[in-house]
Structures are given as structure tokens and as C-alpha cells.
Amino acid sequence: MELVNRGICIPLETSELVTHNGQYLLNGLFGVGKNKFVKSSHTGEMVEGLRLIINLIPSNELQNPIEGDVGTLPHFAQWVVLELGPNEALVWESGNRSCAFYVFLPPKAWPPWLVLGWPLPPHLWREPEGALILQYLTRSVAPMGGRGVSSICRHGLRSF
């Protein structure tokens, strides 16, 4: 439930899910080792940190890509042709911003397309009026690997 505690995922009720060909649109989730070790807040032992990967292949199959106005960020060597005036300075940022996808919140229409493929444990369900409603987790931040999301994030980073 660390994904919820950190604001990376939020619960979504089954009534809010996208259906396609009679089935819920659900995506996968896994972690890849980063070869960095941290102390577990639960056990106190050293554990390997994982890079969170949400496999959006099912969702991407049903979407049209959003193309950005620029396909990639410029390489730093491209700036050598610029001439600056006597009172001007050139400042640029790396093309690989750490945790960039966690900076952007997706529009409210996106979370139903980013749902993870298993329901939440029963102790985390909401119980409106005594009836259990099955809930799933969905992304609350921009989905790395989402179709067209890199273009949107690059545009946003250039806008700062």
C-alpha cells in the first residue's frame, strides 16, 4: 500500500473502469532492481530498491498516440552554435530528469485507462451504506510507458 501512501496510486471503483469487449481494461505491474539498497521501514533489513514498472500494453493498444511538437530534447552539443550577447547567459537542463513522471498529474479522464490488474485487498475497500464495492488501484501520476505521455511530459518540462 506504499503506492497509495506516496500518492502514486489511488483506488477506483469497478463502476469507474473502462470495459472493452466485455472485459475490464487492466494493466500489469512489476519492479526491476535498481542495485541500490535501502533499509526497509517494515523489517529494518536492507532491501533492494525497485524501479516501478506499470505495463500499459493493454491500455496503449486502445489509444491513439499524442505526438509532441518536438520528438526529443536537444543534445547539449547542439547548443554550441548559439551566439550570446554580452549580457546573456545560456542555461539548459538535462534531457533525463529524475522522477519526471511523478511531477505531472494526469487529467481526470486518464485514471480509468491506467488501472492495475488485480483488486485491492478487502480491508482497503470502502463500504458505502453497508455494501462492499470492489476497488482497483490506478495511477494518480503520469504513467511512464503510457502512449504519448513522454511527448506531453517533454512539452511540460520545456514550458517551465
C-alpha atoms as a PDB file:
ATOM      1  CA  MET A   1       0.000   0.000   0.000  1.00  0.00           C
ATOM      2  CA  GLU A   2       3.066   2.201  -0.222  1.00  0.00           C
ATOM      3  CA  LEU A   3       1.887   3.243  -3.716  1.00  0.00           C
ATOM      4  CA  VAL A   4      -1.229   4.779  -2.134  1.00  0.00           C
ATOM      5  CA  ASN A   5       0.676   6.297   0.799  1.00  0.00           C
ATOM      6  CA  ARG A   6       3.068   8.042  -1.609  1.00  0.00           C
ATOM      7  CA  GLY A   7       0.265   9.331  -3.851  1.00  0.00           C
ATOM      8  CA  ILE A   8       1.369   7.277  -6.864  1.00  0.00           C
ATOM      9  CA  CYS A   9      -1.869   5.274  -6.988  1.00  0.00           C
ATOM     10  CA  ILE A  10      -5.461   5.857  -5.916  1.00  0.00           C
ATOM     11  CA  PRO A  11      -8.389   3.437  -5.560  1.00  0.00           C
ATOM     12  CA  LEU A  12     -11.032   3.272  -8.280  1.00  0.00           C
ATOM     13  CA  GLU A  13     -14.376   1.500  -8.015  1.00  0.00           C
ATOM     14  CA  THR A  14     -15.344  -1.143 -10.582  1.00  0.00           C
ATOM     15  CA  SER A  15     -18.172   1.120 -11.794  1.00  0.00           C
ATOM     16  CA  GLU A  16     -15.489   3.597 -12.990  1.00  0.00           C
ATOM     17  CA  LEU A  17     -13.416   1.095 -15.009  1.00  0.00           C
ATOM     18  CA  VAL A  18     -13.154   1.104 -18.804  1.00  0.00           C
ATOM     19  CA  THR A  19     -14.558  -2.007 -20.447  1.00  0.00           C
ATOM     20  CA  HIS A  20     -13.557  -3.356 -23.851  1.00  0.00           C
ATOM     21  CA  ASN A  21     -15.153  -6.392 -25.485  1.00  0.00           C
ATOM     22  CA  GLY A  22     -16.981  -7.088 -22.222  1.00  0.00           C
ATOM     23  CA  GLN A  23     -13.862  -7.134 -20.044  1.00  0.00           C
ATOM     24  CA  TYR A  24     -12.240  -4.584 -17.753  1.00  0.00           C
ATOM     25  CA  LEU A  25      -9.210  -2.800 -19.195  1.00  0.00           C
ATOM     26  CA  LEU A  26      -6.493  -3.861 -16.720  1.00  0.00           C
ATOM     27  CA  ASN A  27      -2.715  -3.358 -16.845  1.00  0.00           C
ATOM     28  CA  GLY A  28       0.248  -5.151 -15.251  1.00  0.00           C
ATOM     29  CA  LEU A  29       2.729  -4.055 -12.588  1.00  0.00           C
ATOM     30  CA  PHE A  30       6.216  -5.238 -11.659  1.00  0.00           C
ATOM     31  CA  GLY A  31       9.514  -3.986 -10.276  1.00  0.00           C
ATOM     32  CA  VAL A  32      13.055  -4.089 -11.630  1.00  0.00           C
ATOM     33  CA  GLY A  33      16.012  -3.993  -9.245  1.00  0.00           C
ATOM     34  CA  LYS A  34      17.983  -0.726  -9.192  1.00  0.00           C
ATOM     35  CA  ASN A  35      21.068  -2.201  -7.455  1.00  0.00           C
ATOM     36  CA  LYS A  36      20.544   0.355  -4.663  1.00  0.00           C
ATOM     37  CA  PHE A  37      19.806  -0.868  -1.177  1.00  0.00           C
ATOM     38  CA  VAL A  38      17.714   0.852   1.480  1.00  0.00           C
ATOM     39  CA  LYS A  39      16.543  -0.022   4.964  1.00  0.00           C
ATOM     40  CA  SER A  40      13.009  -1.460   4.991  1.00  0.00           C
ATOM     41  CA  SER A  41      10.594   0.619   7.069  1.00  0.00           C
ATOM     42  CA  HIS A  42       8.744  -2.618   7.960  1.00  0.00           C
ATOM     43  CA  THR A  43      11.524  -5.051   8.866  1.00  0.00           C
ATOM     44  CA  GLY A  44      14.580  -2.833   9.318  1.00  0.00           C
ATOM     45  CA  GLU A  45      16.540  -5.089   6.943  1.00  0.00           C
ATOM     46  CA  MET A  46      18.400  -3.839   3.877  1.00  0.00           C
ATOM     47  CA  VAL A  47      16.368  -4.479   0.731  1.00  0.00           C
ATOM     48  CA  GLU A  48      16.984  -3.663  -2.917  1.00  0.00           C
ATOM     49  CA  GLY A  49      15.040  -0.685  -4.214  1.00  0.00           C
ATOM     50  CA  LEU A  50      12.841  -1.389  -7.209  1.00  0.00           C
ATOM     51  CA  ARG A  51      12.025   0.731 -10.238  1.00  0.00           C
ATOM     52  CA  LEU A  52       8.228   0.642 -10.560  1.00  0.00           C
ATOM     53  CA  ILE A  53       7.103  -0.542 -13.996  1.00  0.00           C
ATOM     54  CA  ILE A  54       3.429  -0.425 -14.918  1.00  0.00           C
ATOM     55  CA  ASN A  55       2.919  -2.426 -18.095  1.00  0.00           C
ATOM     56  CA  LEU A  56       0.409  -0.368 -20.085  1.00  0.00           C
ATOM     57  CA  ILE A  57       0.326  -2.574 -23.192  1.00  0.00           C
ATOM     58  CA  PRO A  58      -3.431  -3.308 -22.853  1.00  0.00           C
ATOM     59  CA  SER A  59      -4.275   0.376 -22.410  1.00  0.00           C
ATOM     60  CA  ASN A  60      -1.862   1.536 -25.133  1.00  0.00           C
ATOM     61  CA  GLU A  61      -3.458  -0.846 -27.641  1.00  0.00           C
ATOM     62  CA  LEU A  62      -6.716   1.133 -27.436  1.00  0.00           C
ATOM     63  CA  GLN A  63      -5.283   4.658 -27.572  1.00  0.00           C
ATOM     64  CA  ASN A  64      -4.152   6.998 -30.305  1.00  0.00           C
ATOM     65  CA  PRO A  65      -0.730   8.476 -29.527  1.00  0.00           C
ATOM     66  CA  ILE A  66      -0.405  12.149 -28.696  1.00  0.00           C
ATOM     67  CA  GLU A  67       2.562  13.476 -30.639  1.00  0.00           C
ATOM     68  CA  GLY A  68       4.584  16.337 -29.219  1.00  0.00           C
ATOM     69  CA  ASP A  69       5.805  19.276 -31.247  1.00  0.00           C
ATOM     70  CA  VAL A  70       9.398  18.107 -30.684  1.00  0.00           C
ATOM     71  CA  GLY A  71      10.306  14.421 -30.802  1.00  0.00           C
ATOM     72  CA  THR A  72      13.126  14.622 -28.274  1.00  0.00           C
ATOM     73  CA  LEU A  73      15.021  17.032 -26.095  1.00  0.00           C
ATOM     74  CA  PRO A  74      18.128  18.549 -27.700  1.00  0.00           C
ATOM     75  CA  HIS A  75      21.554  17.069 -27.079  1.00  0.00           C
ATOM     76  CA  PHE A  76      23.834  19.508 -25.247  1.00  0.00           C
ATOM     77  CA  ALA A  77      26.284  19.602 -28.195  1.00  0.00           C
ATOM     78  CA  GLN A  78      23.603  21.247 -30.364  1.00  0.00           C
ATOM     79  CA  TRP A  79      23.896  24.403 -28.267  1.00  0.00           C
ATOM     80  CA  VAL A  80      27.482  25.159 -29.401  1.00  0.00           C
ATOM     81  CA  VAL A  81      26.216  27.003 -32.487  1.00  0.00           C
ATOM     82  CA  LEU A  82      24.407  29.659 -30.429  1.00  0.00           C
ATOM     83  CA  GLU A  83      25.856  33.130 -30.105  1.00  0.00           C
ATOM     84  CA  LEU A  84      25.096  35.028 -26.944  1.00  0.00           C
ATOM     85  CA  GLY A  85      25.173  38.759 -26.408  1.00  0.00           C
ATOM     86  CA  PRO A  86      27.456  40.332 -23.779  1.00  0.00           C
ATOM     87  CA  ASN A  87      24.715  40.317 -21.087  1.00  0.00           C
ATOM     88  CA  GLU A  88      23.182  36.943 -21.927  1.00  0.00           C
ATOM     89  CA  ALA A  89      23.698  33.543 -20.344  1.00  0.00           C
ATOM     90  CA  LEU A  90      22.685  30.116 -21.593  1.00  0.00           C
ATOM     91  CA  VAL A  91      21.103  27.716 -19.132  1.00  0.00           C
ATOM     92  CA  TRP A  92      19.777  24.296 -20.034  1.00  0.00           C
ATOM     93  CA  GLU A  93      18.654  21.173 -18.287  1.00  0.00           C
ATOM     94  CA  SER A  94      19.463  17.527 -18.836  1.00  0.00           C
ATOM     95  CA  GLY A  95      17.159  15.506 -21.051  1.00  0.00           C
ATOM     96  CA  ASN A  96      16.793  12.861 -18.352  1.00  0.00           C
ATOM     97  CA  ARG A  97      15.020  14.468 -15.412  1.00  0.00           C
ATOM     98  CA  SER A  98      14.905  12.178 -12.396  1.00  0.00           C
ATOM     99  CA  CYS A  99      11.350  11.079 -11.476  1.00  0.00           C
ATOM    100  CA  ALA A 100       9.844  13.380 -14.143  1.00  0.00           C
ATOM    101  CA  PHE A 101       6.719  11.244 -14.493  1.00  0.00           C
ATOM    102  CA  TYR A 102       5.932  11.714 -10.802  1.00  0.00           C
ATOM    103  CA  VAL A 103       5.824  15.501 -11.249  1.00  0.00           C
ATOM    104  CA  PHE A 104       2.845  15.548 -13.618  1.00  0.00           C
ATOM    105  CA  LEU A 105      -0.728  14.773 -12.626  1.00  0.00           C
ATOM    106  CA  PRO A 106      -2.785  13.239 -15.426  1.00  0.00           C
ATOM    107  CA  PRO A 107      -6.154  14.708 -16.443  1.00  0.00           C
ATOM    108  CA  LYS A 108      -9.163  13.273 -14.590  1.00  0.00           C
ATOM    109  CA  ALA A 109     -10.127  11.245 -17.675  1.00  0.00           C
ATOM    110  CA  TRP A 110      -6.908   9.168 -17.567  1.00  0.00           C
ATOM    111  CA  PRO A 111      -7.086   7.058 -14.344  1.00  0.00           C
ATOM    112  CA  PRO A 112      -9.730   4.610 -15.668  1.00  0.00           C
ATOM    113  CA  TRP A 113      -7.301   3.770 -18.500  1.00  0.00           C
ATOM    114  CA  LEU A 114      -4.416   3.108 -16.081  1.00  0.00           C
ATOM    115  CA  VAL A 115      -5.987   0.515 -13.762  1.00  0.00           C
ATOM    116  CA  LEU A 116      -3.816  -2.272 -12.360  1.00  0.00           C
ATOM    117  CA  GLY A 117      -4.900  -5.866 -12.957  1.00  0.00           C
ATOM    118  CA  TRP A 118      -5.968  -7.046  -9.527  1.00  0.00           C
ATOM    119  CA  PRO A 119      -8.428  -5.825  -6.907  1.00  0.00           C
ATOM    120  CA  LEU A 120      -7.387  -4.200  -3.661  1.00  0.00           C
ATOM    121  CA  PRO A 121      -7.327  -6.395  -0.539  1.00  0.00           C
ATOM    122  CA  PRO A 122     -10.742  -6.422   1.200  1.00  0.00           C
ATOM    123  CA  HIS A 123      -9.501  -4.496   4.269  1.00  0.00           C
ATOM    124  CA  LEU A 124      -8.899  -1.485   1.979  1.00  0.00           C
ATOM    125  CA  TRP A 125     -12.341  -1.426   0.324  1.00  0.00           C
ATOM    126  CA  ARG A 126     -14.772   1.394   1.041  1.00  0.00           C
ATOM    127  CA  GLU A 127     -18.130   0.300   2.417  1.00  0.00           C
ATOM    128  CA  PRO A 128     -20.857   2.762   1.347  1.00  0.00           C
ATOM    129  CA  GLU A 129     -24.173   2.024   3.024  1.00  0.00           C
ATOM    130  CA  GLY A 130     -23.050  -1.429   4.170  1.00  0.00           C
ATOM    131  CA  ALA A 131     -22.287  -2.817   0.679  1.00  0.00           C
ATOM    132  CA  LEU A 132     -18.754  -3.740  -0.312  1.00  0.00           C
ATOM    133  CA  ILE A 133     -17.593  -2.247  -3.600  1.00  0.00           C
ATOM    134  CA  LEU A 134     -14.650  -3.974  -5.223  1.00  0.00           C
ATOM    135  CA  GLN A 135     -11.878  -1.478  -5.872  1.00  0.00           C
ATOM    136  CA  TYR A 136      -8.774  -1.423  -8.042  1.00  0.00           C
ATOM    137  CA  LEU A 137      -5.666   0.755  -7.954  1.00  0.00           C
ATOM    138  CA  THR A 138      -4.961   3.240 -10.710  1.00  0.00           C
ATOM    139  CA  ARG A 139      -2.163   5.723 -11.345  1.00  0.00           C
ATOM    140  CA  SER A 140      -2.542   9.191  -9.880  1.00  0.00           C
ATOM    141  CA  VAL A 141       0.606  10.470 -11.636  1.00  0.00           C
ATOM    142  CA  ALA A 142       1.639  10.448 -15.303  1.00  0.00           C
ATOM    143  CA  PRO A 143       2.197   6.858 -16.466  1.00  0.00           C
ATOM    144  CA  MET A 144       5.721   6.142 -17.670  1.00  0.00           C
ATOM    145  CA  GLY A 145       5.179   3.967 -20.732  1.00  0.00           C
ATOM    146  CA  GLY A 146       1.760   5.420 -21.483  1.00  0.00           C
ATOM    147  CA  ARG A 147       1.264   6.071 -25.183  1.00  0.00           C
ATOM    148  CA  GLY A 148       2.116   9.698 -25.931  1.00  0.00           C
ATOM    149  CA  VAL A 149       2.907  10.568 -22.305  1.00  0.00           C
ATOM    150  CA  SER A 150       6.620  11.184 -22.991  1.00  0.00           C
ATOM    151  CA  SER A 151       5.688  13.851 -25.535  1.00  0.00           C
ATOM    152  CA  ILE A 152       3.322  15.508 -23.075  1.00  0.00           C
ATOM    153  CA  CYS A 153       5.917  15.487 -20.260  1.00  0.00           C
ATOM    154  CA  ARG A 154       8.670  16.824 -22.560  1.00  0.00           C
ATOM    155  CA  HIS A 155       6.398  19.671 -23.588  1.00  0.00           C
ATOM    156  CA  GLY A 156       5.589  20.387 -19.940  1.00  0.00           C
ATOM    157  CA  LEU A 157       9.256  20.392 -18.952  1.00  0.00           C
ATOM    158  CA  ARG A 158      10.096  22.839 -21.747  1.00  0.00           C
ATOM    159  CA  SER A 159       7.280  25.107 -20.551  1.00  0.00           C
ATOM    160  CA  PHE A 160       8.804  25.691 -17.099  1.00  0.00           C
END
